[in-house]
Amino acid sequence: MKRRSKQENRFAVCVNNTGYQASLEAGKLYRVIPDDEAGSHGYIRVIDESGEDYGYSVSRFFPIEVPQALEKALASPTALQAEDVVRTSSARGSRKKSKQTLSKVSKAKPRASDRL
């Protein structure tokens, strides 16, 4: 299995959209654009609701790793095939387990070690 480099297709969930309700949705998954300079200042660059990439405080996001089949689906909604869904669900466990994990993630606050 090919390991992803740190710079490839990263995602983060918005956990705090205070002051940016028009640009960010709390609980929504956003594509992260690698930006070392922004990161050195405590910011993360994401493609927000405007469809453009902007920098926001890293504390507003919780970084996550998504399965490759989901990355493929996010890149092109028609690209996800039924066999990818089956492979992903069997590899990741049951729907109940996924829901439990998502509920924990939505309650968790990002730690300094989780920063991108």
N, C-alpha and C. Protein backbone atom coordinates (compact mmCIF):
# COMPACT_ATOMS: atom_id res chain seq x y z
N MET A 1 0.85 -1.18 0.00
CA MET A 1 0.00 0.00 0.00
C MET A 1 0.89 1.24 0.00
N LYS A 2 0.59 2.15 -0.87
CA LYS A 2 1.37 3.38 -0.99
C LYS A 2 1.04 4.34 0.15
N ARG A 3 2.09 4.79 0.85
CA ARG A 3 1.89 5.76 1.92
C ARG A 3 1.81 7.16 1.32
N ARG A 4 0.93 7.95 1.86
CA ARG A 4 0.78 9.32 1.39
C ARG A 4 1.85 10.19 2.02
N SER A 5 2.36 11.11 1.24
CA SER A 5 3.30 12.09 1.80
C SER A 5 2.49 13.10 2.60
N LYS A 6 3.18 13.83 3.46
CA LYS A 6 2.49 14.84 4.28
C LYS A 6 1.81 15.90 3.43
N GLN A 7 2.30 16.12 2.22
CA GLN A 7 1.78 17.19 1.38
C GLN A 7 0.56 16.79 0.56
N GLU A 8 0.24 15.50 0.49
CA GLU A 8 -0.86 15.05 -0.36
C GLU A 8 -2.21 15.14 0.35
N ASN A 9 -3.23 15.54 -0.38
CA ASN A 9 -4.63 15.49 0.02
C ASN A 9 -4.88 15.34 1.51
N ARG A 10 -4.84 16.43 2.20
CA ARG A 10 -5.14 16.42 3.61
C ARG A 10 -6.48 17.10 3.83
N PHE A 11 -7.12 16.70 4.90
CA PHE A 11 -8.44 17.23 5.21
C PHE A 11 -8.51 17.59 6.69
N ALA A 12 -9.42 18.48 7.02
CA ALA A 12 -9.65 18.88 8.40
C ALA A 12 -11.12 19.22 8.57
N VAL A 13 -11.62 18.98 9.77
CA VAL A 13 -13.01 19.30 10.10
C VAL A 13 -13.01 20.60 10.88
N CYS A 14 -13.89 21.51 10.49
CA CYS A 14 -14.03 22.77 11.21
C CYS A 14 -14.72 22.50 12.55
N VAL A 15 -14.10 22.91 13.64
CA VAL A 15 -14.69 22.72 14.96
C VAL A 15 -15.11 24.04 15.60
N ASN A 16 -14.77 25.16 14.96
CA ASN A 16 -15.13 26.47 15.50
C ASN A 16 -15.22 27.47 14.35
N ASN A 17 -16.43 27.92 14.05
CA ASN A 17 -16.60 28.91 12.97
C ASN A 17 -17.00 30.29 13.49
N THR A 18 -16.82 30.53 14.78
CA THR A 18 -17.19 31.81 15.39
C THR A 18 -16.54 32.97 14.64
N GLY A 19 -17.37 33.90 14.19
CA GLY A 19 -16.90 35.05 13.45
C GLY A 19 -16.73 34.81 11.96
N TYR A 20 -16.88 33.56 11.53
CA TYR A 20 -16.72 33.20 10.12
C TYR A 20 -17.87 32.33 9.62
N GLN A 21 -19.09 32.58 10.11
CA GLN A 21 -20.24 31.74 9.76
C GLN A 21 -20.50 31.70 8.26
N ALA A 22 -20.20 32.76 7.53
CA ALA A 22 -20.43 32.76 6.08
C ALA A 22 -19.34 31.98 5.34
N SER A 23 -18.18 31.85 5.95
CA SER A 23 -17.04 31.21 5.29
C SER A 23 -16.80 29.78 5.71
N LEU A 24 -17.18 29.44 6.93
CA LEU A 24 -16.92 28.10 7.47
C LEU A 24 -18.18 27.53 8.11
N GLU A 25 -18.34 26.22 8.00
CA GLU A 25 -19.44 25.51 8.67
C GLU A 25 -18.83 24.59 9.70
N ALA A 26 -19.23 24.73 10.96
CA ALA A 26 -18.75 23.84 12.01
C ALA A 26 -19.20 22.41 11.68
N GLY A 27 -18.29 21.47 11.80
CA GLY A 27 -18.59 20.07 11.53
C GLY A 27 -18.38 19.66 10.08
N LYS A 28 -18.01 20.59 9.23
CA LYS A 28 -17.82 20.28 7.81
C LYS A 28 -16.36 19.94 7.51
N LEU A 29 -16.17 19.04 6.57
CA LEU A 29 -14.85 18.61 6.12
C LEU A 29 -14.32 19.58 5.07
N TYR A 30 -13.10 20.05 5.25
CA TYR A 30 -12.47 20.98 4.31
C TYR A 30 -11.15 20.42 3.81
N ARG A 31 -10.86 20.67 2.53
CA ARG A 31 -9.58 20.28 1.95
C ARG A 31 -8.52 21.28 2.40
N VAL A 32 -7.40 20.76 2.88
CA VAL A 32 -6.29 21.58 3.35
C VAL A 32 -5.31 21.78 2.20
N ILE A 33 -4.90 23.01 2.01
CA ILE A 33 -3.89 23.35 1.01
C ILE A 33 -2.56 23.52 1.75
N PRO A 34 -1.56 22.71 1.41
CA PRO A 34 -0.27 22.82 2.10
C PRO A 34 0.31 24.24 1.97
N ASP A 35 0.71 24.82 3.10
CA ASP A 35 1.29 26.15 3.11
C ASP A 35 2.18 26.27 4.34
N ASP A 36 3.46 26.03 4.14
CA ASP A 36 4.42 26.06 5.25
C ASP A 36 4.49 27.42 5.93
N GLU A 37 4.40 28.48 5.15
CA GLU A 37 4.48 29.83 5.74
C GLU A 37 3.28 30.09 6.64
N ALA A 38 2.09 29.75 6.19
CA ALA A 38 0.90 29.93 7.02
C ALA A 38 1.02 29.09 8.29
N GLY A 39 1.50 27.85 8.15
CA GLY A 39 1.67 26.97 9.29
C GLY A 39 2.64 27.52 10.32
N SER A 40 3.69 28.19 9.85
CA SER A 40 4.67 28.76 10.78
C SER A 40 4.08 29.90 11.60
N HIS A 41 2.95 30.44 11.17
CA HIS A 41 2.28 31.52 11.89
C HIS A 41 1.03 31.04 12.63
N GLY A 42 0.82 29.71 12.68
CA GLY A 42 -0.33 29.16 13.39
C GLY A 42 -1.62 29.16 12.59
N TYR A 43 -1.49 29.18 11.26
CA TYR A 43 -2.67 29.18 10.39
C TYR A 43 -2.70 27.92 9.53
N ILE A 44 -3.88 27.61 9.06
CA ILE A 44 -4.10 26.50 8.15
C ILE A 44 -4.83 27.07 6.93
N ARG A 45 -4.44 26.66 5.75
CA ARG A 45 -5.08 27.15 4.52
C ARG A 45 -6.06 26.08 4.05
N VAL A 46 -7.33 26.48 3.93
CA VAL A 46 -8.37 25.55 3.48
C VAL A 46 -9.19 26.19 2.37
N ILE A 47 -9.86 25.36 1.59
CA ILE A 47 -10.81 25.86 0.60
C ILE A 47 -12.14 26.00 1.34
N ASP A 48 -12.57 27.25 1.54
CA ASP A 48 -13.76 27.50 2.35
C ASP A 48 -15.03 27.57 1.50
N GLU A 49 -16.10 28.08 2.08
CA GLU A 49 -17.40 28.12 1.40
C GLU A 49 -17.42 29.00 0.17
N SER A 50 -16.47 29.91 0.05
CA SER A 50 -16.41 30.76 -1.14
C SER A 50 -15.82 30.01 -2.33
N GLY A 51 -15.22 28.84 -2.06
CA GLY A 51 -14.56 28.08 -3.11
C GLY A 51 -13.11 28.49 -3.31
N GLU A 52 -12.66 29.45 -2.53
CA GLU A 52 -11.27 29.93 -2.58
C GLU A 52 -10.51 29.43 -1.36
N ASP A 53 -9.18 29.44 -1.46
CA ASP A 53 -8.40 29.03 -0.29
C ASP A 53 -8.02 30.25 0.53
N TYR A 54 -8.24 30.14 1.83
CA TYR A 54 -7.91 31.20 2.78
C TYR A 54 -7.27 30.59 4.01
N GLY A 55 -6.52 31.41 4.74
CA GLY A 55 -5.88 30.96 5.97
C GLY A 55 -6.76 31.27 7.18
N TYR A 56 -6.87 30.30 8.06
CA TYR A 56 -7.60 30.44 9.32
C TYR A 56 -6.74 29.89 10.44
N SER A 57 -7.02 30.30 11.65
CA SER A 57 -6.29 29.79 12.81
C SER A 57 -6.42 28.26 12.85
N VAL A 58 -5.31 27.60 13.08
CA VAL A 58 -5.31 26.14 13.11
C VAL A 58 -6.20 25.60 14.23
N SER A 59 -6.44 26.39 15.26
CA SER A 59 -7.29 25.95 16.37
C SER A 59 -8.76 25.80 15.97
N ARG A 60 -9.14 26.31 14.81
CA ARG A 60 -10.51 26.18 14.32
C ARG A 60 -10.77 24.83 13.66
N PHE A 61 -9.72 24.02 13.47
CA PHE A 61 -9.84 22.78 12.71
C PHE A 61 -9.26 21.59 13.45
N PHE A 62 -9.80 20.43 13.14
CA PHE A 62 -9.29 19.16 13.66
C PHE A 62 -8.85 18.35 12.44
N PRO A 63 -7.54 18.10 12.29
CA PRO A 63 -7.06 17.38 11.11
C PRO A 63 -7.49 15.91 11.15
N ILE A 64 -7.86 15.37 9.99
CA ILE A 64 -8.23 13.95 9.92
C ILE A 64 -7.62 13.34 8.67
N GLU A 65 -7.48 12.02 8.70
CA GLU A 65 -7.03 11.28 7.54
C GLU A 65 -8.25 10.52 7.02
N VAL A 66 -8.50 10.61 5.74
CA VAL A 66 -9.66 9.92 5.17
C VAL A 66 -9.18 8.76 4.29
N PRO A 67 -10.00 7.72 4.15
CA PRO A 67 -9.64 6.60 3.29
C PRO A 67 -9.47 7.06 1.84
N GLN A 68 -8.63 6.38 1.09
CA GLN A 68 -8.37 6.78 -0.29
C GLN A 68 -9.64 6.77 -1.14
N ALA A 69 -10.55 5.84 -0.90
CA ALA A 69 -11.79 5.80 -1.67
C ALA A 69 -12.61 7.08 -1.44
N LEU A 70 -12.59 7.60 -0.21
CA LEU A 70 -13.31 8.84 0.08
C LEU A 70 -12.61 10.02 -0.59
N GLU A 71 -11.28 10.04 -0.56
CA GLU A 71 -10.54 11.11 -1.25
C GLU A 71 -10.92 11.13 -2.72
N LYS A 72 -11.01 9.96 -3.31
CA LYS A 72 -11.37 9.85 -4.72
C LYS A 72 -12.78 10.40 -4.95
N ALA A 73 -13.70 10.09 -4.05
CA ALA A 73 -15.07 10.57 -4.17
C ALA A 73 -15.14 12.08 -4.01
N LEU A 74 -14.35 12.63 -3.11
CA LEU A 74 -14.35 14.07 -2.89
C LEU A 74 -13.75 14.82 -4.07
N ALA A 75 -12.81 14.19 -4.75
CA ALA A 75 -12.19 14.81 -5.91
C ALA A 75 -13.17 14.84 -7.08
N SER A 76 -13.97 13.78 -7.23
CA SER A 76 -14.93 13.66 -8.32
C SER A 76 -16.11 12.85 -7.84
N PRO A 77 -17.25 13.48 -7.55
CA PRO A 77 -18.39 12.77 -6.98
C PRO A 77 -18.84 11.54 -7.77
N THR A 78 -18.59 11.50 -9.07
CA THR A 78 -19.01 10.34 -9.86
C THR A 78 -17.94 9.25 -9.90
N ALA A 79 -16.78 9.51 -9.33
CA ALA A 79 -15.67 8.56 -9.42
C ALA A 79 -15.78 7.39 -8.45
N LEU A 80 -16.57 7.53 -7.38
CA LEU A 80 -16.66 6.47 -6.39
C LEU A 80 -17.51 5.32 -6.92
N GLN A 81 -16.91 4.16 -6.98
CA GLN A 81 -17.60 2.97 -7.47
C GLN A 81 -18.14 2.16 -6.29
N ALA A 82 -19.13 1.34 -6.53
CA ALA A 82 -19.75 0.53 -5.48
C ALA A 82 -18.72 -0.35 -4.79
N GLU A 83 -17.77 -0.94 -5.55
CA GLU A 83 -16.77 -1.81 -4.95
C GLU A 83 -15.85 -1.03 -4.00
N ASP A 84 -15.62 0.26 -4.27
CA ASP A 84 -14.82 1.07 -3.37
C ASP A 84 -15.54 1.26 -2.04
N VAL A 85 -16.86 1.45 -2.09
CA VAL A 85 -17.65 1.62 -0.88
C VAL A 85 -17.58 0.35 -0.04
N VAL A 86 -17.74 -0.81 -0.67
CA VAL A 86 -17.69 -2.09 0.04
C VAL A 86 -16.31 -2.29 0.65
N ARG A 87 -15.26 -2.05 -0.12
CA ARG A 87 -13.89 -2.22 0.34
C ARG A 87 -13.61 -1.29 1.51
N THR A 88 -14.06 -0.07 1.42
CA THR A 88 -13.81 0.91 2.48
C THR A 88 -14.57 0.52 3.74
N SER A 89 -15.83 0.15 3.61
CA SER A 89 -16.61 -0.17 4.80
C SER A 89 -16.09 -1.42 5.49
N SER A 90 -15.67 -2.43 4.71
CA SER A 90 -15.16 -3.64 5.35
C SER A 90 -13.80 -3.38 5.98
N ALA A 91 -13.00 -2.51 5.38
CA ALA A 91 -11.68 -2.20 5.93
C ALA A 91 -11.79 -1.34 7.18
N ARG A 92 -12.77 -0.51 7.26
CA ARG A 92 -12.90 0.43 8.37
C ARG A 92 -13.83 -0.05 9.48
N GLY A 93 -14.57 -1.11 9.25
CA GLY A 93 -15.46 -1.61 10.29
C GLY A 93 -16.91 -1.26 10.01
N SER A 94 -17.73 -1.50 10.98
CA SER A 94 -19.17 -1.33 10.80
C SER A 94 -19.58 0.13 10.82
N ARG A 95 -20.80 0.37 10.34
CA ARG A 95 -21.37 1.72 10.35
C ARG A 95 -21.48 2.25 11.78
N LYS A 96 -21.85 1.37 12.70
CA LYS A 96 -21.99 1.77 14.10
C LYS A 96 -20.65 2.27 14.64
N LYS A 97 -19.59 1.54 14.34
CA LYS A 97 -18.26 1.93 14.81
C LYS A 97 -17.87 3.29 14.20
N SER A 98 -18.19 3.50 12.93
CA SER A 98 -17.88 4.77 12.28
C SER A 98 -18.62 5.92 12.95
N LYS A 99 -19.89 5.71 13.28
CA LYS A 99 -20.68 6.75 13.94
C LYS A 99 -20.11 7.07 15.31
N GLN A 100 -19.67 6.03 16.04
CA GLN A 100 -19.09 6.25 17.36
C GLN A 100 -17.81 7.08 17.24
N THR A 101 -16.99 6.76 16.26
CA THR A 101 -15.74 7.49 16.04
C THR A 101 -16.02 8.93 15.68
N LEU A 102 -16.99 9.17 14.77
CA LEU A 102 -17.32 10.53 14.38
C LEU A 102 -17.86 11.35 15.55
N SER A 103 -18.63 10.72 16.43
CA SER A 103 -19.15 11.46 17.57
C SER A 103 -18.02 11.86 18.52
N LYS A 104 -17.00 11.01 18.65
CA LYS A 104 -15.84 11.35 19.49
C LYS A 104 -15.05 12.49 18.86
N VAL A 105 -14.88 12.45 17.54
CA VAL A 105 -14.12 13.50 16.85
C VAL A 105 -14.81 14.84 16.98
N SER A 106 -16.15 14.86 16.85
CA SER A 106 -16.86 16.13 16.91
C SER A 106 -16.79 16.76 18.29
N LYS A 107 -16.56 15.95 19.35
CA LYS A 107 -16.47 16.47 20.70
C LYS A 107 -15.04 16.83 21.09
N ALA A 108 -14.07 16.29 20.35
CA ALA A 108 -12.67 16.49 20.70
C ALA A 108 -12.18 17.87 20.30
N LYS A 109 -11.26 18.38 21.09
CA LYS A 109 -10.61 19.66 20.74
C LYS A 109 -9.22 19.32 20.22
N PRO A 110 -8.76 20.05 19.20
CA PRO A 110 -7.43 19.77 18.67
C PRO A 110 -6.35 20.04 19.71
N ARG A 111 -5.35 19.19 19.71
CA ARG A 111 -4.19 19.37 20.59
C ARG A 111 -3.06 19.97 19.76
N ALA A 112 -2.09 20.52 20.42
CA ALA A 112 -0.94 21.11 19.72
C ALA A 112 -0.26 20.05 18.85
N SER A 113 -0.21 18.80 19.33
CA SER A 113 0.45 17.74 18.57
C SER A 113 -0.35 17.32 17.33
N ASP A 114 -1.63 17.72 17.24
CA ASP A 114 -2.46 17.38 16.08
C ASP A 114 -2.32 18.37 14.95
N ARG A 115 -1.66 19.47 15.20
CA ARG A 115 -1.56 20.50 14.18
C ARG A 115 -0.84 19.99 12.97
N LEU A 116 -1.25 20.50 11.82
CA LEU A 116 -0.67 20.06 10.55
C LEU A 116 0.67 20.67 10.31
